[in-house]
Protein backbone atom coordinates (compact mmCIF):
# COMPACT_ATOMS: atom_id res chain seq x y z
CA MET A 1 -11.56 56.80 63.47
CA ALA A 2 -9.31 53.83 64.04
CA LYS A 3 -5.64 54.08 63.19
CA LYS A 4 -4.78 52.05 60.14
CA LYS A 5 -1.93 49.60 59.84
CA ASP A 6 1.17 51.23 58.35
CA ASN A 7 0.98 49.38 55.03
CA PHE A 8 1.97 52.28 52.82
CA VAL A 9 2.21 50.19 49.63
CA MET A 10 -1.39 49.03 50.07
CA GLN A 11 -2.57 52.58 50.80
CA ALA A 12 -0.57 53.88 47.84
CA GLY A 13 -2.21 51.19 45.71
CA ILE A 14 -5.66 52.40 46.74
CA LEU A 15 -4.71 55.97 45.87
CA ALA A 16 -3.01 54.88 42.63
CA VAL A 17 -6.08 52.97 41.45
CA ALA A 18 -8.19 56.06 42.15
CA GLY A 19 -5.63 58.26 40.40
CA ILE A 20 -5.63 56.05 37.31
CA ILE A 21 -9.44 55.94 37.27
CA VAL A 22 -9.50 59.73 37.60
CA ARG A 23 -7.10 60.16 34.69
CA ILE A 24 -8.98 57.67 32.52
CA ILE A 25 -12.22 59.56 33.19
CA GLY A 26 -10.32 62.73 32.31
CA LEU A 27 -9.22 61.28 29.00
CA LEU A 28 -12.69 59.98 28.22
CA TYR A 29 -14.39 63.32 28.80
CA ASN A 30 -11.60 65.21 27.04
CA LYS A 31 -12.44 63.38 23.84
CA PRO A 32 -15.98 64.81 23.43
CA MET A 33 -14.93 68.15 24.92
CA VAL A 34 -12.11 68.63 22.40
CA ALA A 35 -14.54 67.57 19.65
CA ILE A 36 -16.85 70.40 20.81
CA ILE A 37 -14.29 73.18 21.35
CA GLY A 38 -11.69 72.07 18.77
CA ASP A 39 -7.90 72.00 19.02
CA GLU A 40 -7.80 75.80 19.25
CA GLY A 41 -10.24 75.80 22.17
CA ASN A 42 -8.29 73.00 23.83
CA GLY A 43 -5.16 75.14 23.55
CA TYR A 44 -6.89 78.03 25.35
CA TYR A 45 -8.23 75.61 27.96
CA ASP A 46 -4.77 74.13 28.54
CA SER A 47 -3.14 77.56 28.79
CA ALA A 48 -5.73 78.77 31.33
CA TYR A 49 -5.46 75.54 33.31
CA ALA A 50 -1.66 75.82 33.48
CA ALA A 51 -1.91 79.33 34.94
CA TYR A 52 -4.62 78.19 37.37
CA SER A 53 -2.43 75.27 38.45
CA ILE A 54 0.42 77.61 39.38
CA VAL A 55 -1.81 79.74 41.62
CA LEU A 56 -3.27 76.56 43.07
CA LEU A 57 0.23 75.29 43.84
CA ILE A 58 1.01 78.44 45.79
CA SER A 59 -2.34 78.69 47.61
CA SER A 60 -3.51 75.17 48.34
CA TYR A 61 -2.00 72.34 46.28
CA SER A 62 0.63 71.57 48.92
CA ILE A 63 -1.87 71.65 51.79
CA PRO A 64 -2.75 67.90 51.81
CA SER A 65 0.92 66.84 51.94
CA ALA A 66 1.89 69.50 54.49
CA VAL A 67 -1.11 68.89 56.76
CA SER A 68 -0.57 65.15 56.44
CA LYS A 69 3.09 65.45 57.51
CA VAL A 70 2.48 67.71 60.53
CA ILE A 71 -0.56 65.85 61.85
CA ALA A 72 1.07 62.43 61.29
CA GLN A 73 3.93 63.46 63.59
CA LYS A 74 1.44 64.41 66.34
CA LEU A 75 -0.55 61.20 65.88
CA GLU A 76 2.64 59.17 66.20
CA LEU A 77 3.10 60.77 69.64
CA LYS A 78 -0.64 60.22 70.36
CA GLU A 79 -1.13 63.97 70.78
CA TYR A 80 -4.69 63.91 69.44
CA ARG A 81 -5.67 67.32 70.82
CA ASN A 82 -2.74 69.04 69.15
CA ALA A 83 -3.41 67.13 65.91
CA HIS A 84 -6.96 68.48 65.83
CA ARG A 85 -5.81 72.01 66.64
CA ILE A 86 -3.48 71.82 63.63
CA PHE A 87 -6.47 70.73 61.54
CA ARG A 88 -8.39 73.85 62.62
CA CYS A 89 -5.47 76.20 62.02
CA ALA A 90 -4.96 74.77 58.56
CA PHE A 91 -8.55 75.76 57.78
CA ILE A 92 -7.92 79.35 58.78
CA TYR A 93 -4.77 79.37 56.66
CA VAL A 94 -6.54 78.20 53.48
CA LEU A 95 -9.50 80.53 53.99
CA VAL A 96 -7.20 83.54 54.05
CA VAL A 97 -4.73 82.44 51.36
CA GLY A 98 -7.47 80.93 49.16
CA SER A 99 -9.50 84.15 49.19
CA ILE A 100 -6.50 86.25 48.17
CA ALA A 101 -5.51 83.77 45.44
CA SER A 102 -9.04 83.61 44.01
CA LEU A 103 -9.27 87.38 43.74
CA PHE A 104 -5.85 87.52 42.10
CA VAL A 105 -6.85 84.95 39.48
CA PHE A 106 -10.07 86.78 38.64
CA PHE A 107 -8.68 90.31 38.44
CA GLY A 108 -5.16 89.42 37.29
CA ALA A 109 -6.02 86.82 34.64
CA GLY A 110 -4.53 88.99 31.91
CA LEU A 111 -1.16 88.91 33.69
CA LEU A 112 -1.08 85.11 33.89
CA VAL A 113 -1.80 84.09 30.28
CA GLU A 114 -0.22 85.25 27.04
CA MET A 115 -3.21 84.53 24.80
CA GLU A 116 -6.13 86.93 25.16
CA SER A 117 -8.66 84.20 24.41
CA ALA A 118 -7.47 82.24 27.48
CA ILE A 119 -8.43 85.04 29.93
CA LEU A 120 -12.14 84.15 30.16
CA PRO A 121 -11.52 80.43 30.90
CA LEU A 122 -9.02 81.42 33.59
CA ARG A 123 -11.42 83.84 35.29
CA VAL A 124 -14.04 81.09 35.46
CA LEU A 125 -11.52 79.03 37.47
CA ALA A 126 -11.08 81.72 40.18
CA PRO A 127 -13.66 80.36 42.72
CA THR A 128 -12.20 76.86 42.31
CA VAL A 129 -8.92 78.04 43.86
CA PHE A 130 -10.75 78.92 47.09
CA LEU A 131 -12.66 75.62 47.28
CA SER A 132 -9.54 73.56 46.52
CA GLY A 133 -7.78 74.75 49.66
CA ILE A 134 -10.62 73.61 51.92
CA LEU A 135 -10.79 70.26 50.14
CA GLY A 136 -7.02 69.90 50.56
CA VAL A 137 -7.22 70.27 54.35
CA PHE A 138 -9.73 67.43 54.62
CA ARG A 139 -7.66 65.18 52.37
CA GLY A 140 -4.49 65.89 54.34
CA TYR A 141 -6.25 65.15 57.63
CA PHE A 142 -7.40 61.70 56.54
CA GLN A 143 -4.06 60.94 54.86
CA ALA A 144 -2.30 61.68 58.16
CA HIS A 145 -4.22 58.74 59.62
CA LYS A 146 -2.62 56.59 56.89
CA THR A 147 -5.90 55.93 55.16
CA MET A 148 -6.24 56.94 51.51
CA ALA A 149 -9.78 55.65 50.90
CA GLN A 150 -11.53 58.98 51.56
CA THR A 151 -9.15 60.90 49.32
CA SER A 152 -9.47 58.25 46.60
CA ILE A 153 -13.28 58.26 46.54
CA SER A 154 -13.42 62.06 46.64
CA GLN A 155 -11.04 62.24 43.66
CA ILE A 156 -13.24 59.90 41.61
CA LEU A 157 -16.42 61.84 42.50
CA GLU A 158 -14.62 65.08 41.68
CA GLN A 159 -13.63 63.85 38.24
CA LEU A 160 -17.08 62.43 37.44
CA ALA A 161 -18.72 65.79 38.24
CA ASN A 162 -15.96 67.54 36.31
CA ALA A 163 -16.57 65.34 33.25
CA GLY A 164 -20.33 65.82 33.11
CA VAL A 165 -20.33 69.58 33.67
CA SER A 166 -17.32 70.21 31.39
CA ILE A 167 -18.93 68.51 28.39
CA GLY A 168 -22.36 70.02 29.01
CA MET A 169 -21.17 73.57 29.62
CA ALA A 170 -18.63 73.49 26.77
CA TYR A 171 -21.50 72.69 24.41
CA VAL A 172 -23.81 75.33 25.93
CA MET A 173 -21.13 78.05 25.79
CA VAL A 174 -20.20 77.32 22.17
CA GLN A 175 -23.87 77.35 21.14
CA ALA A 176 -24.31 80.71 22.88
CA VAL A 177 -21.84 82.41 20.49
CA THR A 178 -22.41 80.61 17.20
CA ASP A 179 -22.78 84.02 15.54
CA LYS A 180 -19.21 84.96 16.56
CA ASP A 181 -15.87 84.06 14.94
CA LEU A 182 -14.21 80.66 15.52
CA SER A 183 -11.66 81.99 18.05
CA THR A 184 -14.45 83.48 20.20
CA GLN A 185 -16.35 80.19 20.05
CA ALA A 186 -13.17 78.36 21.08
CA SER A 187 -12.62 80.74 24.02
CA TYR A 188 -16.20 80.41 25.29
CA GLY A 189 -16.08 76.64 24.85
CA ALA A 190 -12.88 76.50 26.91
CA ALA A 191 -14.59 78.60 29.61
CA GLY A 192 -17.44 76.08 29.68
CA GLY A 193 -14.88 73.31 30.14
CA THR A 194 -13.27 75.09 33.11
CA LEU A 195 -16.68 75.36 34.80
CA GLY A 196 -16.50 71.59 35.17
CA THR A 197 -13.32 71.88 37.23
CA GLY A 198 -15.14 73.98 39.83
CA ALA A 199 -18.12 71.64 39.89
CA GLY A 200 -15.77 68.70 40.45
CA VAL A 201 -13.96 70.31 43.37
CA LEU A 202 -17.32 71.18 44.97
CA ALA A 203 -18.47 67.56 44.63
CA GLY A 204 -15.24 66.29 46.24
CA LEU A 205 -15.57 68.81 49.07
CA LEU A 206 -19.16 67.82 49.85
CA PHE A 207 -18.10 64.17 50.08
CA MET A 208 -15.20 64.96 52.43
CA LEU A 209 -17.50 67.06 54.64
CA TRP A 210 -19.84 64.09 54.85
CA MET A 211 -16.98 61.72 55.74
CA TYR A 212 -15.73 64.07 58.45
CA GLY A 213 -19.25 64.34 59.83
CA LEU A 214 -19.48 60.54 60.08
CA ASN A 215 -16.19 60.38 62.01
CA ARG A 216 -16.56 63.55 64.10
CA LYS A 217 -17.88 61.86 67.27
CA ILE A 218 -15.02 59.37 67.32
CA ILE A 219 -12.47 62.12 66.59
CA MET A 220 -13.73 64.40 69.36
CA LYS A 221 -13.97 61.52 71.85
CA ARG A 222 -10.33 60.69 71.23
CA VAL A 223 -9.38 64.37 71.60
CA ALA A 224 -11.25 64.52 74.93
CA ARG A 225 -9.41 61.44 76.25
CA ASP A 226 -5.98 62.73 75.23
CA PRO A 227 -3.84 62.50 78.43
CA HIS A 228 -1.17 64.95 77.23
CA GLN A 229 -1.22 68.13 79.29
CA GLU A 230 0.93 70.24 76.97
CA VAL A 231 -1.20 71.95 74.35
CA ASP A 232 0.46 73.80 71.50
CA SER A 233 -0.61 77.44 71.22
CA TYR A 234 -2.28 78.58 68.03
CA GLY A 235 0.70 80.86 67.43
CA GLU A 236 3.08 77.90 67.57
CA ILE A 237 0.84 75.86 65.29
CA PHE A 238 0.59 78.60 62.66
CA LYS A 239 4.36 78.95 62.80
CA THR A 240 4.75 75.18 62.30
CA ILE A 241 2.27 75.16 59.42
CA LEU A 242 4.06 78.03 57.70
CA LEU A 243 7.46 76.40 58.23
CA VAL A 244 6.21 73.16 56.69
CA VAL A 245 3.80 74.52 54.06
CA THR A 246 6.24 77.10 52.68
CA PRO A 247 8.96 74.58 51.69
CA PHE A 248 6.26 72.25 50.31
CA ILE A 249 4.91 75.15 48.25
CA LEU A 250 8.34 76.15 47.01
CA SER A 251 9.45 72.64 46.10
CA THR A 252 6.11 71.58 44.62
CA GLY A 253 5.73 74.98 42.96
CA ILE A 254 9.14 74.92 41.32
CA TYR A 255 8.66 71.22 40.56
CA ASN A 256 5.44 71.95 38.67
CA VAL A 257 6.02 75.49 37.42
CA ASN A 258 7.95 74.00 34.50
CA ASN A 259 4.65 73.26 32.72
CA PHE A 260 3.54 76.89 33.03
CA LEU A 261 7.02 78.19 32.21
CA ASP A 262 7.32 75.97 29.14
CA LYS A 263 3.99 77.22 27.80
CA THR A 264 4.97 80.84 28.45
CA ILE A 265 8.37 80.46 26.76
CA TYR A 266 6.79 78.65 23.82
CA GLN A 267 4.03 81.24 23.35
CA LYS A 268 6.37 84.23 23.61
CA ILE A 269 8.95 82.85 21.18
CA MET A 270 6.37 81.57 18.69
CA MET A 271 4.17 84.67 18.68
CA LEU A 272 6.71 87.46 19.27
CA VAL A 273 9.84 86.08 17.56
CA MET A 274 8.51 83.62 14.98
CA ASP A 275 5.38 85.71 14.35
CA LEU A 276 2.91 82.79 14.48
CA LYS A 277 -0.78 83.49 15.00
CA GLU A 278 -2.40 82.91 18.40
CA SER A 279 -4.70 80.27 16.92
CA VAL A 280 -1.72 78.32 15.51
CA VAL A 281 0.12 78.39 18.85
CA ALA A 282 -3.06 77.28 20.65
CA THR A 283 -3.34 74.30 18.27
CA ASP A 284 0.33 73.43 18.93
CA LEU A 285 -0.26 73.45 22.68
CA SER A 286 -3.33 71.27 22.23
CA ALA A 287 -1.29 68.63 20.36
CA ILE A 288 1.34 68.64 23.13
CA ALA A 289 -1.26 68.56 25.93
CA LYS A 290 -2.89 65.41 24.53
CA GLY A 291 0.30 63.43 25.01
CA THR A 292 0.84 64.85 28.48
CA LYS A 293 -2.64 63.82 29.61
CA ILE A 294 -2.10 60.24 28.46
CA SER A 295 1.37 59.92 29.98
CA ASN A 296 0.03 61.26 33.29
CA ILE A 297 -2.00 58.08 33.83
CA PRO A 298 0.91 55.83 34.94
CA ILE A 299 2.53 58.78 36.73
CA ALA A 300 -0.48 58.58 39.06
CA LEU A 301 1.18 55.58 40.73
CA ALA A 302 4.26 57.59 41.71
CA SER A 303 2.10 60.46 42.99
CA ALA A 304 0.05 58.02 45.06
CA MET A 305 3.15 56.29 46.40
CA ALA A 306 4.64 59.66 47.36
CA THR A 307 1.42 60.72 49.12
CA ALA A 308 1.29 57.47 51.07
CA LEU A 309 5.00 57.64 51.94
CA ILE A 310 4.91 61.10 53.54
CA PRO A 311 3.08 60.25 56.82
CA SER A 312 4.78 56.85 57.02
CA ILE A 313 8.34 58.15 56.61
CA ALA A 314 7.60 61.25 58.70
CA SER A 315 6.73 58.89 61.57
CA ASP A 316 9.97 56.93 61.08
CA ALA A 317 11.97 60.16 60.87
CA GLU A 318 10.42 61.31 64.15
CA GLN A 319 11.84 58.14 65.75
CA GLY A 320 15.17 58.36 63.90
CA ASN A 321 14.61 54.99 62.22
CA LYS A 322 16.69 55.34 59.04
CA LYS A 323 16.76 51.60 58.41
CA SER A 324 12.97 51.50 58.10
CA ILE A 325 13.02 54.54 55.82
CA ARG A 326 15.58 52.90 53.49
CA LYS A 327 13.46 49.74 53.27
CA LYS A 328 10.34 51.76 52.41
CA VAL A 329 12.17 53.81 49.78
CA ALA A 330 13.51 50.65 48.13
CA LYS A 331 10.12 48.95 48.19
CA SER A 332 8.22 51.95 46.84
CA MET A 333 10.81 52.57 44.10
CA LYS A 334 10.61 48.97 42.97
CA VAL A 335 6.80 48.94 42.82
CA THR A 336 6.82 52.26 40.93
CA MET A 337 9.37 51.06 38.37
CA LEU A 338 7.60 47.71 37.88
CA ILE A 339 4.72 49.73 36.42
CA SER A 340 6.41 52.88 35.07
CA ILE A 341 8.96 51.10 32.84
CA PRO A 342 6.47 48.87 30.95
CA ALA A 343 4.02 51.79 30.77
CA THR A 344 6.69 53.88 29.05
CA VAL A 345 7.48 51.18 26.51
CA GLY A 346 3.83 50.25 25.92
CA ILE A 347 2.72 53.85 25.33
CA ALA A 348 5.70 54.53 23.06
CA VAL A 349 5.09 51.55 20.74
CA LEU A 350 1.29 51.91 20.71
CA ALA A 351 1.17 55.73 20.68
CA LYS A 352 -0.88 56.12 17.51
CA PRO A 353 -3.54 53.46 18.30
CA ILE A 354 -3.94 54.99 21.79
CA MET A 355 -4.20 58.51 20.42
CA ARG A 356 -6.71 57.36 17.77
CA VAL A 357 -9.01 56.01 20.51
CA ILE A 358 -8.86 59.08 22.74
CA PHE A 359 -8.06 62.15 20.61
CA ASN A 360 -8.91 61.26 17.04
CA GLN A 361 -8.63 64.73 15.48
CA PRO A 362 -7.40 63.87 11.94
CA ASP A 363 -5.43 67.10 11.42
CA THR A 364 -3.18 66.52 14.44
CA LEU A 365 -3.37 62.71 14.90
CA ASP A 366 0.04 61.80 13.45
CA LEU A 367 1.82 64.68 15.17
CA SER A 368 0.14 64.08 18.55
CA SER A 369 1.05 60.39 18.35
CA LYS A 370 4.73 61.10 17.72
CA LEU A 371 4.79 63.68 20.52
CA LEU A 372 3.20 61.12 22.86
CA ALA A 373 5.90 58.55 22.01
CA VAL A 374 8.60 61.05 23.03
CA THR A 375 6.70 62.26 26.10
CA SER A 376 6.30 58.70 27.37
CA PHE A 377 9.96 58.62 28.46
CA SER A 378 9.13 61.19 31.15
CA ILE A 379 6.97 58.56 32.91
CA ILE A 380 10.01 56.77 34.37
CA PHE A 381 11.81 59.92 35.47
CA TYR A 382 8.75 61.70 36.84
CA GLY A 383 8.09 58.52 38.81
CA ILE A 384 11.58 58.65 40.32
CA SER A 385 11.63 62.40 40.93
CA THR A 386 8.16 62.51 42.51
CA LEU A 387 9.01 59.67 44.87
CA THR A 388 12.43 60.97 45.89
CA GLN A 389 11.08 64.49 46.45
CA ALA A 390 8.50 63.13 48.91
CA VAL A 391 11.17 61.18 50.80
CA LEU A 392 13.46 64.20 51.13
CA GLN A 393 10.60 66.34 52.41
CA SER A 394 9.51 63.65 54.86
CA ILE A 395 12.96 63.34 56.47
CA GLY A 396 13.12 67.10 57.02
CA LYS A 397 15.30 68.05 54.04
CA MET A 398 12.73 70.54 52.81
CA ILE A 399 15.13 72.90 51.00
CA THR A 400 17.04 70.21 49.09
CA PRO A 401 14.33 69.33 46.51
CA ILE A 402 13.65 73.06 46.07
CA VAL A 403 17.25 73.64 45.03
CA HIS A 404 17.21 70.60 42.73
CA ALA A 405 13.95 71.66 41.07
CA ALA A 406 15.26 75.20 40.60
CA VAL A 407 18.47 73.95 38.96
CA ALA A 408 16.48 71.67 36.64
CA LEU A 409 14.06 74.50 35.88
CA VAL A 410 16.82 76.85 34.73
CA LEU A 411 18.72 74.22 32.72
CA HIS A 412 15.70 72.80 30.91
CA ALA A 413 14.24 76.26 30.18
CA ALA A 414 17.55 77.40 28.70
CA ALA A 415 17.73 74.24 26.59
CA MET A 416 14.16 74.69 25.38
CA ALA A 417 14.63 78.37 24.48
CA ALA A 418 17.88 77.59 22.63
CA MET A 419 16.25 74.80 20.60
CA LEU A 420 13.22 76.96 19.71
CA LEU A 421 15.36 79.93 18.69
CA TYR A 422 18.24 78.26 16.84
CA MET A 423 16.99 74.93 15.50
CA ASP A 424 14.59 74.05 12.66
CA ASN A 425 11.17 75.55 13.48
CA GLU A 426 9.45 72.56 11.85
CA TYR A 427 10.29 70.45 14.92
CA ARG A 428 9.34 73.12 17.49
CA MET A 429 6.87 70.90 19.39
CA TYR A 430 9.45 68.11 19.72
CA TYR A 431 11.82 70.56 21.40
CA TYR A 432 9.06 71.31 23.90
CA VAL A 433 8.54 67.67 24.94
CA VAL A 434 12.28 66.87 24.92
CA ALA A 435 12.82 69.75 27.37
CA THR A 436 10.07 68.33 29.58
CA VAL A 437 11.79 64.94 29.69
CA LEU A 438 15.13 66.64 30.39
CA TYR A 439 13.66 68.40 33.42
CA SER A 440 12.51 65.14 35.01
CA VAL A 441 15.89 63.49 34.32
CA ILE A 442 17.84 66.27 36.04
CA VAL A 443 15.60 66.27 39.14
CA SER A 444 15.80 62.47 39.39
CA ILE A 445 19.61 62.48 39.33
CA LEU A 446 19.98 65.29 41.89
CA ASN A 447 17.38 63.84 44.27
CA GLY A 448 19.00 60.41 44.03
CA LEU A 449 22.41 61.83 44.99
CA SER A 450 20.86 63.53 48.03
CA LEU A 451 19.17 60.33 49.20
CA LYS A 452 22.55 58.61 49.03
CA ARG A 453 24.05 61.42 51.10
CA TYR A 454 21.39 61.83 53.80
CA LEU A 455 20.15 58.27 54.18
CA LYS A 456 23.23 56.33 53.05
CA TYR A 457 20.75 54.86 50.58
CA LYS A 458 22.06 52.84 47.66
CA GLN A 459 19.52 52.12 44.95
CA GLU A 460 19.33 48.49 43.86
CA VAL A 461 19.61 48.53 40.06
CA ASP A 462 19.29 45.00 38.70
CA LYS A 463 15.81 43.94 39.88
CA THR A 464 14.43 47.48 40.11
CA PHE A 465 15.48 48.73 36.66
CA LEU A 466 17.35 46.26 34.43
CA ARG A 467 15.10 43.20 34.64
CA PRO A 468 11.84 45.16 34.30
CA ALA A 469 13.41 47.06 31.36
CA PHE A 470 14.42 43.82 29.62
CA ALA A 471 10.95 42.34 30.19
CA SER A 472 9.38 45.58 28.94
CA MET A 473 11.35 45.61 25.69
CA ILE A 474 10.22 42.08 24.86
CA MET A 475 6.68 43.04 25.89
CA GLY A 476 6.83 46.12 23.65
CA ALA A 477 7.89 44.08 20.62
CA VAL A 478 5.09 41.58 21.27
CA ALA A 479 2.52 44.37 21.75
CA PHE A 480 3.58 46.13 18.53
CA GLY A 481 3.45 42.91 16.51
CA ALA A 482 0.17 41.79 18.09
CA TYR A 483 -1.57 45.09 17.37
CA HIS A 484 -0.54 45.30 13.72
CA GLY A 485 -1.21 41.61 13.13
CA ILE A 486 -4.70 41.77 14.64
CA TYR A 487 -5.47 45.07 12.91
CA TYR A 488 -4.44 43.54 9.55
CA LEU A 489 -6.90 40.68 10.08
CA LEU A 490 -9.59 42.77 11.79
CA PRO A 491 -9.24 46.48 10.96
CA MET A 492 -10.90 47.77 14.15
CA ASN A 493 -8.50 49.97 16.13
CA LEU A 494 -10.06 49.65 19.60
CA VAL A 495 -10.43 45.86 19.36
CA ALA A 496 -6.87 45.39 18.11
CA LEU A 497 -5.52 47.74 20.79
CA CYS A 498 -7.38 46.03 23.66
CA ILE A 499 -6.22 42.56 22.60
CA ALA A 500 -2.63 43.77 22.15
CA VAL A 501 -2.65 45.36 25.64
CA VAL A 502 -4.01 42.19 27.26
CA ILE A 503 -1.32 40.10 25.53
CA ALA A 504 1.35 42.64 26.56
CA VAL A 505 0.28 42.61 30.22
CA PHE A 506 0.34 38.80 30.28
CA VAL A 507 3.79 38.63 28.63
CA TYR A 508 5.22 41.19 31.06
CA PHE A 509 3.65 39.43 34.06
CA VAL A 510 5.23 36.11 33.03
CA LEU A 511 8.62 37.67 32.30
CA VAL A 512 9.07 39.71 35.51
CA ILE A 513 8.30 36.61 37.59
CA ALA A 514 10.38 34.28 35.41
CA LEU A 515 13.30 36.73 35.63
CA HIS A 516 12.86 36.92 39.44
CA ALA A 517 12.44 40.69 39.26
CA VAL A 518 9.78 40.50 41.99
CA THR A 519 9.31 38.14 44.94
CA GLU A 520 6.13 36.52 46.24
CA ASP A 521 6.27 38.64 49.40
CA GLU A 522 6.51 41.83 47.32
CA LEU A 523 3.53 40.75 45.22
CA LEU A 524 1.48 40.01 48.36
CA SER A 525 2.13 43.52 49.69
CA MET A 526 0.45 45.05 46.63
CA PRO A 527 -3.31 45.65 46.33
CA LYS A 528 -4.99 42.35 45.35
CA GLY A 529 -1.53 40.81 45.48
CA HIS A 530 -2.92 37.46 46.60
CA LEU A 531 -4.74 37.19 43.27
CA ILE A 532 -1.51 37.89 41.38
CA VAL A 533 0.31 35.26 43.43
CA LYS A 534 -2.51 32.77 42.86
CA ALA A 535 -2.30 33.34 39.10
CA GLY A 536 1.48 32.96 39.23
CA LYS A 537 1.20 29.62 41.01
CA LYS A 538 -1.39 28.33 38.58
CA LEU A 539 1.00 29.15 35.76
CA ARG A 540 3.78 27.46 37.78
CA LEU A 541 5.81 30.67 37.79
CA LEU A 542 5.77 30.71 41.59
CA LYS A 543 6.26 27.72 43.86
């Protein structure tokens, strides 16, 4: 397998496109699935999935990033034999940890979820925890070679299998208990939906096994020709993996545990203090989850950029090249903000039309739309916090993002609990999403201060934030007016929305170039950047 050129923006673009496709598929299949299992069933599904995600974070979620970082450092030194030994040891690690985690999820499901009807969907997810660890090792191995294509394709295949099985099994499971009460039907339907998650992971794993098989001869030939005489012992490798994986787990775990913690706090206060029924709380969580799933689409870019940055910056850190690291941080931040800022504005002003296309449940449409508009502001800050966390980890400051995430976790949880307990209960779901935004803001600020300290990095503000923000506000006004004007003339939501989005993208494209927020060289470094530059020159925006 040939070593790829270190064009991390291009590789991040590949992964981002896949991530966006994956999330779009997720939204598309969620629409019929929620129609089958209802808002109550979607609440149970979301609660079970949040608990599953926490166990996954501890057992295997951090494996791709950790494996990628450790192997990338060995590849930079051309220690191919040691790189492959790390690959093997990582397998042993996930087999042991994954088995324990799977058993814990199955037998301890009742300890992880507050709502009894979410236990069955969570137990169905238990085998998926085991398979996810193995899949993570393969993804990390290929990412260490600075190629994101295999991971990207596997993610798309995973989501396609997930979509088909989730819809099919949700329907089958609901039909199997039509003689039971609505809450039982919702629980079984949610369990059918979680079966799709396992089927998706299995599909992704089979693809990665196939890709490894295709490259195995080349990999082993390179290992055999490795001239380095010093071979790391398996004991040393396991120690290295644990030293790297553990901080990744802690930082990523704390960074993501807020979703699980928020749901737990919300459920306990609503059911135990406010005395709301389980079915009502489940419906609340469903309305909140819809907005989160939509806002996660643009966040995929930051996640992809972070994944691509880790091996690249780890290599620079190994050589002590801080200047190169600062350039990559600046470039990746700018690309992320060029998309995150207009995405935030666009989703906020077109929240209801978007929600009507994807989750058109009449009873919760207005509420879900308003929650989405508030949630959209987290896109910018999750983009910043995800990116800066990856940089800190890659330069060896593994504990720093853990501390920052822990501080943000405590502060936002306290704020959320206080709002739920002492403010008007009518706005309880708004408090939830405001707390989520607050968490991302705190992490972004703390991580940014640490980058300034450790890298002497000063974030450029004008072209990275101010000009894209100005262009986005004008774009948002145009998009809002275009949608309502077109809908008035042609009352078809999807048509009006699509036209408004196309107009908005064009307006933003013209403005960011006209305002000199992005250069021709920066555009060329992006995926299909030559096409963007060509369009800019035709419009005489670029010389």
